[in-house]
Amino acid sequence: MKIELELIPWTTPNFVRIKTPISLKQDGPQETPAIPLSEIHAEVLGEMCDHFRAEIFNKANKNDPRILR
């Protein structure tokens, strides 16, 4: 028996967050600064996408089909 499922794609972000120092608990919740994707250099976006893709296949314990072995 074969069952087909329709997968929901990941949500594409509109911005990237900036890494900030950890704040003290008594300071309350702090909004993490963000930069719109349109303001990030294409090379940086490419590197971030490559890293994300590598992490996905690593977590799935699968070889990336785009990488020739």
C-alpha atoms as a PDB file:
ATOM      1  CA  MET A   1       0.000   0.000   0.000  1.00  0.00           C
ATOM      2  CA  LYS A   2       1.291   3.469  -0.889  1.00  0.00           C
ATOM      3  CA  ILE A   3       0.004   6.710   0.613  1.00  0.00           C
ATOM      4  CA  GLU A   4       0.955  10.054  -0.922  1.00  0.00           C
ATOM      5  CA  LEU A   5       1.281  13.111   1.276  1.00  0.00           C
ATOM      6  CA  GLU A   6       1.516  16.741   0.270  1.00  0.00           C
ATOM      7  CA  LEU A   7       4.290  18.478   2.197  1.00  0.00           C
ATOM      8  CA  ILE A   8       4.077  22.106   3.250  1.00  0.00           C
ATOM      9  CA  PRO A   9       7.264  23.997   2.259  1.00  0.00           C
ATOM     10  CA  TRP A  10       9.255  25.944   4.838  1.00  0.00           C
ATOM     11  CA  THR A  11       8.307  29.569   5.282  1.00  0.00           C
ATOM     12  CA  THR A  12      10.751  31.886   3.529  1.00  0.00           C
ATOM     13  CA  PRO A  13      12.002  34.609   5.862  1.00  0.00           C
ATOM     14  CA  ASN A  14      11.809  38.323   5.086  1.00  0.00           C
ATOM     15  CA  PHE A  15      14.830  39.275   7.186  1.00  0.00           C
ATOM     16  CA  VAL A  16      17.887  37.964   9.015  1.00  0.00           C
ATOM     17  CA  ARG A  17      18.483  38.432  12.714  1.00  0.00           C
ATOM     18  CA  ILE A  18      21.638  39.960  14.172  1.00  0.00           C
ATOM     19  CA  LYS A  19      23.511  38.035  16.849  1.00  0.00           C
ATOM     20  CA  THR A  20      23.610  40.126  20.022  1.00  0.00           C
ATOM     21  CA  PRO A  21      25.104  39.576  23.481  1.00  0.00           C
ATOM     22  CA  ILE A  22      22.877  37.720  25.939  1.00  0.00           C
ATOM     23  CA  SER A  23      20.907  40.179  28.056  1.00  0.00           C
ATOM     24  CA  LEU A  24      20.107  39.827  31.737  1.00  0.00           C
ATOM     25  CA  LYS A  25      16.808  38.223  32.694  1.00  0.00           C
ATOM     26  CA  GLN A  26      15.838  41.230  34.836  1.00  0.00           C
ATOM     27  CA  ASP A  27      16.149  43.465  31.725  1.00  0.00           C
ATOM     28  CA  GLY A  28      13.062  41.727  30.317  1.00  0.00           C
ATOM     29  CA  PRO A  29      12.526  40.424  26.789  1.00  0.00           C
ATOM     30  CA  GLN A  30      14.646  42.149  24.159  1.00  0.00           C
ATOM     31  CA  GLU A  31      13.753  42.393  20.456  1.00  0.00           C
ATOM     32  CA  THR A  32      16.560  40.927  18.364  1.00  0.00           C
ATOM     33  CA  PRO A  33      17.579  43.415  15.636  1.00  0.00           C
ATOM     34  CA  ALA A  34      16.783  42.300  12.088  1.00  0.00           C
ATOM     35  CA  ILE A  35      17.877  43.322   8.579  1.00  0.00           C
ATOM     36  CA  PRO A  36      15.588  42.911   5.528  1.00  0.00           C
ATOM     37  CA  LEU A  37      16.862  40.357   3.007  1.00  0.00           C
ATOM     38  CA  SER A  38      16.960  43.072   0.337  1.00  0.00           C
ATOM     39  CA  GLU A  39      19.756  44.793   2.280  1.00  0.00           C
ATOM     40  CA  ILE A  40      22.000  41.697   2.484  1.00  0.00           C
ATOM     41  CA  HIS A  41      24.680  41.171  -0.206  1.00  0.00           C
ATOM     42  CA  ALA A  42      23.904  38.355  -2.649  1.00  0.00           C
ATOM     43  CA  GLU A  43      27.126  36.524  -1.722  1.00  0.00           C
ATOM     44  CA  VAL A  44      26.148  36.481   1.968  1.00  0.00           C
ATOM     45  CA  LEU A  45      22.634  35.261   1.141  1.00  0.00           C
ATOM     46  CA  GLY A  46      24.166  32.523  -1.014  1.00  0.00           C
ATOM     47  CA  GLU A  47      26.469  31.423   1.798  1.00  0.00           C
ATOM     48  CA  MET A  48      23.569  31.361   4.253  1.00  0.00           C
ATOM     49  CA  CYS A  49      21.444  29.296   1.844  1.00  0.00           C
ATOM     50  CA  ASP A  50      24.328  26.864   1.221  1.00  0.00           C
ATOM     51  CA  HIS A  51      24.819  26.458   4.970  1.00  0.00           C
ATOM     52  CA  PHE A  52      21.079  25.867   5.518  1.00  0.00           C
ATOM     53  CA  ARG A  53      20.984  23.243   2.766  1.00  0.00           C
ATOM     54  CA  ALA A  54      24.034  21.444   4.171  1.00  0.00           C
ATOM     55  CA  GLU A  55      22.496  21.416   7.659  1.00  0.00           C
ATOM     56  CA  ILE A  56      19.196  19.997   6.352  1.00  0.00           C
ATOM     57  CA  PHE A  57      20.894  17.061   4.632  1.00  0.00           C
ATOM     58  CA  ASN A  58      23.199  16.535   7.605  1.00  0.00           C
ATOM     59  CA  LYS A  59      20.256  16.354  10.031  1.00  0.00           C
ATOM     60  CA  ALA A  60      18.470  13.962   7.675  1.00  0.00           C
ATOM     61  CA  ASN A  61      21.602  11.778   7.463  1.00  0.00           C
ATOM     62  CA  LYS A  62      21.380  11.991   3.664  1.00  0.00           C
ATOM     63  CA  ASN A  63      23.803  12.935   0.911  1.00  0.00           C
ATOM     64  CA  ASP A  64      22.937  16.123  -0.978  1.00  0.00           C
ATOM     65  CA  PRO A  65      21.981  15.013  -4.516  1.00  0.00           C
ATOM     66  CA  ARG A  66      23.469  18.245  -5.917  1.00  0.00           C
ATOM     67  CA  ILE A  67      26.947  17.212  -4.757  1.00  0.00           C
ATOM     68  CA  LEU A  68      28.563  14.709  -7.087  1.00  0.00           C
ATOM     69  CA  ARG A  69      30.209  11.836  -5.217  1.00  0.00           C
END
